[in-house]
Amino acid sequence: MYTTQPKKRKEHAMSHTRQLWQYYTTRFRASLTTDHDRGEVSATTVVMAAALIALALFVGATITSRVRDKANSLDLD
């Protein structure tokens, strides 16, 4: 007879980046409520803003580079 063992679940390990994102998102949301009451800007808010600005700059530079490369590769003659 065959014995069947229950299939083991794969444990989903969070990547380091995902863990950091989760941490800062939680801190950001928590700091919004406390900062809103005091009218201050916390360090977490500054870090999140800097990260989003850096991401926007990176995406913009990547898109600009790809568009420029494609435009330069066109043969107009």
N, C-alpha and C. Protein backbone atom coordinates (compact mmCIF):
# COMPACT_ATOMS: atom_id res chain seq x y z
N MET A 1 0.81 -1.17 0.00
CA MET A 1 0.00 0.00 0.00
C MET A 1 0.87 1.25 0.00
N TYR A 2 0.34 2.24 -0.61
CA TYR A 2 1.03 3.52 -0.65
C TYR A 2 0.60 4.37 0.54
N THR A 3 1.57 4.99 1.11
CA THR A 3 1.23 5.92 2.19
C THR A 3 1.32 7.32 1.64
N THR A 4 0.31 8.07 1.88
CA THR A 4 0.32 9.45 1.40
C THR A 4 0.57 10.39 2.57
N GLN A 5 1.49 11.22 2.35
CA GLN A 5 1.80 12.22 3.36
C GLN A 5 1.22 13.54 2.89
N PRO A 6 0.73 14.35 3.81
CA PRO A 6 0.20 15.64 3.39
C PRO A 6 1.30 16.49 2.77
N LYS A 7 0.89 17.19 1.72
CA LYS A 7 1.87 18.05 1.05
C LYS A 7 2.24 19.20 1.96
N LYS A 8 3.51 19.48 1.98
CA LYS A 8 4.00 20.59 2.79
C LYS A 8 3.77 21.90 2.05
N ARG A 9 3.35 22.87 2.80
CA ARG A 9 3.19 24.20 2.21
C ARG A 9 4.55 24.84 2.00
N LYS A 10 4.64 25.53 0.93
CA LYS A 10 5.86 26.31 0.71
C LYS A 10 5.77 27.55 1.56
N GLU A 11 6.79 27.79 2.31
CA GLU A 11 6.81 29.00 3.11
C GLU A 11 7.28 30.14 2.23
N HIS A 12 6.53 31.17 2.27
CA HIS A 12 6.86 32.33 1.45
C HIS A 12 7.75 33.26 2.26
N ALA A 13 8.98 33.32 1.85
CA ALA A 13 9.93 34.19 2.53
C ALA A 13 9.87 35.57 1.90
N MET A 14 9.77 36.58 2.71
CA MET A 14 9.76 37.95 2.21
C MET A 14 11.17 38.36 1.83
N SER A 15 11.27 39.04 0.75
CA SER A 15 12.57 39.55 0.36
C SER A 15 12.93 40.71 1.29
N HIS A 16 14.20 41.02 1.32
CA HIS A 16 14.68 42.10 2.18
C HIS A 16 14.03 43.42 1.79
N THR A 17 13.91 43.67 0.50
CA THR A 17 13.30 44.90 0.02
C THR A 17 11.84 44.97 0.42
N ARG A 18 11.15 43.86 0.31
CA ARG A 18 9.73 43.82 0.70
C ARG A 18 9.56 44.07 2.20
N GLN A 19 10.46 43.51 2.99
CA GLN A 19 10.40 43.74 4.43
C GLN A 19 10.62 45.21 4.76
N LEU A 20 11.60 45.83 4.11
CA LEU A 20 11.85 47.26 4.34
C LEU A 20 10.66 48.10 3.91
N TRP A 21 10.09 47.77 2.76
CA TRP A 21 8.94 48.51 2.27
C TRP A 21 7.78 48.39 3.26
N GLN A 22 7.54 47.18 3.74
CA GLN A 22 6.46 46.94 4.71
C GLN A 22 6.71 47.74 6.00
N TYR A 23 7.94 47.71 6.47
CA TYR A 23 8.30 48.42 7.69
C TYR A 23 8.07 49.93 7.55
N TYR A 24 8.61 50.51 6.48
CA TYR A 24 8.49 51.95 6.31
C TYR A 24 7.06 52.37 5.99
N THR A 25 6.31 51.52 5.31
CA THR A 25 4.90 51.83 5.06
C THR A 25 4.13 51.87 6.37
N THR A 26 4.37 50.90 7.22
CA THR A 26 3.70 50.86 8.53
C THR A 26 4.09 52.06 9.37
N ARG A 27 5.39 52.37 9.39
CA ARG A 27 5.85 53.54 10.16
C ARG A 27 5.28 54.83 9.59
N PHE A 28 5.20 54.91 8.27
CA PHE A 28 4.67 56.10 7.62
C PHE A 28 3.21 56.32 8.00
N ARG A 29 2.43 55.26 7.93
CA ARG A 29 1.01 55.37 8.27
C ARG A 29 0.82 55.72 9.75
N ALA A 30 1.64 55.11 10.60
CA ALA A 30 1.53 55.42 12.03
C ALA A 30 1.96 56.86 12.31
N SER A 31 2.99 57.31 11.63
CA SER A 31 3.46 58.67 11.88
C SER A 31 2.52 59.72 11.32
N LEU A 32 1.74 59.36 10.31
CA LEU A 32 0.78 60.32 9.76
C LEU A 32 -0.24 60.75 10.81
N THR A 33 -0.71 59.77 11.57
CA THR A 33 -1.73 60.12 12.56
C THR A 33 -1.15 60.95 13.70
N THR A 34 0.03 60.60 14.17
CA THR A 34 0.63 61.36 15.27
C THR A 34 1.13 62.72 14.79
N ASP A 35 1.68 62.77 13.58
CA ASP A 35 2.18 64.03 13.05
C ASP A 35 1.04 64.99 12.74
N HIS A 36 -0.06 64.42 12.30
CA HIS A 36 -1.21 65.26 11.96
C HIS A 36 -1.72 66.00 13.20
N ASP A 37 -1.65 65.31 14.32
CA ASP A 37 -2.09 65.94 15.56
C ASP A 37 -1.13 67.04 16.01
N ARG A 38 0.17 66.83 15.81
CA ARG A 38 1.16 67.79 16.28
C ARG A 38 1.59 68.78 15.21
N GLY A 39 1.30 68.48 13.96
CA GLY A 39 1.71 69.38 12.88
C GLY A 39 3.18 69.27 12.55
N GLU A 40 3.79 68.12 12.80
CA GLU A 40 5.22 67.93 12.54
C GLU A 40 5.42 66.97 11.37
N VAL A 41 6.65 66.94 10.89
CA VAL A 41 7.05 65.98 9.87
C VAL A 41 8.11 65.09 10.49
N SER A 42 7.85 63.78 10.52
CA SER A 42 8.79 62.87 11.16
C SER A 42 9.88 62.45 10.19
N ALA A 43 10.89 61.80 10.74
CA ALA A 43 12.00 61.30 9.91
C ALA A 43 11.50 60.23 8.95
N THR A 44 10.52 59.45 9.37
CA THR A 44 9.97 58.41 8.50
C THR A 44 9.32 59.03 7.27
N THR A 45 8.61 60.12 7.48
CA THR A 45 7.97 60.81 6.35
C THR A 45 9.02 61.34 5.39
N VAL A 46 10.09 61.84 5.91
CA VAL A 46 11.18 62.35 5.07
C VAL A 46 11.83 61.22 4.29
N VAL A 47 12.05 60.08 4.93
CA VAL A 47 12.67 58.92 4.26
C VAL A 47 11.76 58.42 3.15
N MET A 48 10.46 58.31 3.43
CA MET A 48 9.52 57.84 2.41
C MET A 48 9.47 58.81 1.24
N ALA A 49 9.45 60.10 1.51
CA ALA A 49 9.43 61.09 0.44
C ALA A 49 10.70 61.01 -0.40
N ALA A 50 11.84 60.86 0.26
CA ALA A 50 13.12 60.75 -0.46
C ALA A 50 13.14 59.49 -1.32
N ALA A 51 12.63 58.39 -0.80
CA ALA A 51 12.60 57.13 -1.56
C ALA A 51 11.71 57.26 -2.79
N LEU A 52 10.56 57.89 -2.64
CA LEU A 52 9.65 58.06 -3.77
C LEU A 52 10.23 59.01 -4.82
N ILE A 53 10.93 60.05 -4.37
CA ILE A 53 11.57 60.97 -5.30
C ILE A 53 12.68 60.27 -6.07
N ALA A 54 13.49 59.47 -5.36
CA ALA A 54 14.56 58.72 -6.01
C ALA A 54 14.00 57.74 -7.03
N LEU A 55 12.92 57.07 -6.68
CA LEU A 55 12.28 56.13 -7.60
C LEU A 55 11.77 56.86 -8.84
N ALA A 56 11.14 58.00 -8.65
CA ALA A 56 10.63 58.78 -9.78
C ALA A 56 11.76 59.24 -10.70
N LEU A 57 12.87 59.69 -10.11
CA LEU A 57 14.02 60.10 -10.92
C LEU A 57 14.61 58.93 -11.70
N PHE A 58 14.69 57.77 -11.06
CA PHE A 58 15.23 56.58 -11.73
C PHE A 58 14.33 56.17 -12.90
N VAL A 59 13.04 56.15 -12.68
CA VAL A 59 12.10 55.77 -13.75
C VAL A 59 12.16 56.79 -14.88
N GLY A 60 12.21 58.06 -14.55
CA GLY A 60 12.30 59.10 -15.57
C GLY A 60 13.57 58.99 -16.40
N ALA A 61 14.69 58.73 -15.73
CA ALA A 61 15.96 58.58 -16.44
C ALA A 61 15.95 57.35 -17.34
N THR A 62 15.36 56.28 -16.86
CA THR A 62 15.29 55.05 -17.66
C THR A 62 14.44 55.26 -18.90
N ILE A 63 13.29 55.88 -18.74
CA ILE A 63 12.41 56.12 -19.89
C ILE A 63 13.08 57.06 -20.88
N THR A 64 13.71 58.12 -20.39
CA THR A 64 14.41 59.06 -21.27
C THR A 64 15.51 58.36 -22.05
N SER A 65 16.26 57.52 -21.38
CA SER A 65 17.36 56.81 -22.04
C SER A 65 16.84 55.88 -23.13
N ARG A 66 15.78 55.16 -22.84
CA ARG A 66 15.23 54.23 -23.84
C ARG A 66 14.64 54.96 -25.03
N VAL A 67 13.95 56.05 -24.78
CA VAL A 67 13.37 56.82 -25.89
C VAL A 67 14.48 57.42 -26.74
N ARG A 68 15.52 57.96 -26.10
CA ARG A 68 16.64 58.54 -26.85
C ARG A 68 17.35 57.47 -27.69
N ASP A 69 17.58 56.29 -27.11
CA ASP A 69 18.23 55.21 -27.85
C ASP A 69 17.39 54.78 -29.05
N LYS A 70 16.09 54.69 -28.85
CA LYS A 70 15.20 54.30 -29.96
C LYS A 70 15.19 55.36 -31.04
N ALA A 71 15.16 56.64 -30.64
CA ALA A 71 15.16 57.73 -31.62
C ALA A 71 16.46 57.75 -32.40
N ASN A 72 17.57 57.50 -31.73
CA ASN A 72 18.87 57.50 -32.41
C ASN A 72 19.03 56.31 -33.35
N SER A 73 18.29 55.25 -33.11
CA SER A 73 18.42 54.06 -33.96
C SER A 73 17.56 54.13 -35.22
N LEU A 74 16.68 55.11 -35.31
CA LEU A 74 15.82 55.25 -36.49
C LEU A 74 16.64 55.75 -37.69
N ASP A 75 16.39 55.13 -38.83
CA ASP A 75 17.08 55.54 -40.06
C ASP A 75 16.09 56.38 -40.88
N LEU A 76 16.36 57.67 -40.97
CA LEU A 76 15.43 58.58 -41.63
C LEU A 76 15.79 58.83 -43.09
N ASP A 77 16.82 58.20 -43.59
CA ASP A 77 17.23 58.41 -44.99
C ASP A 77 16.60 57.43 -45.91
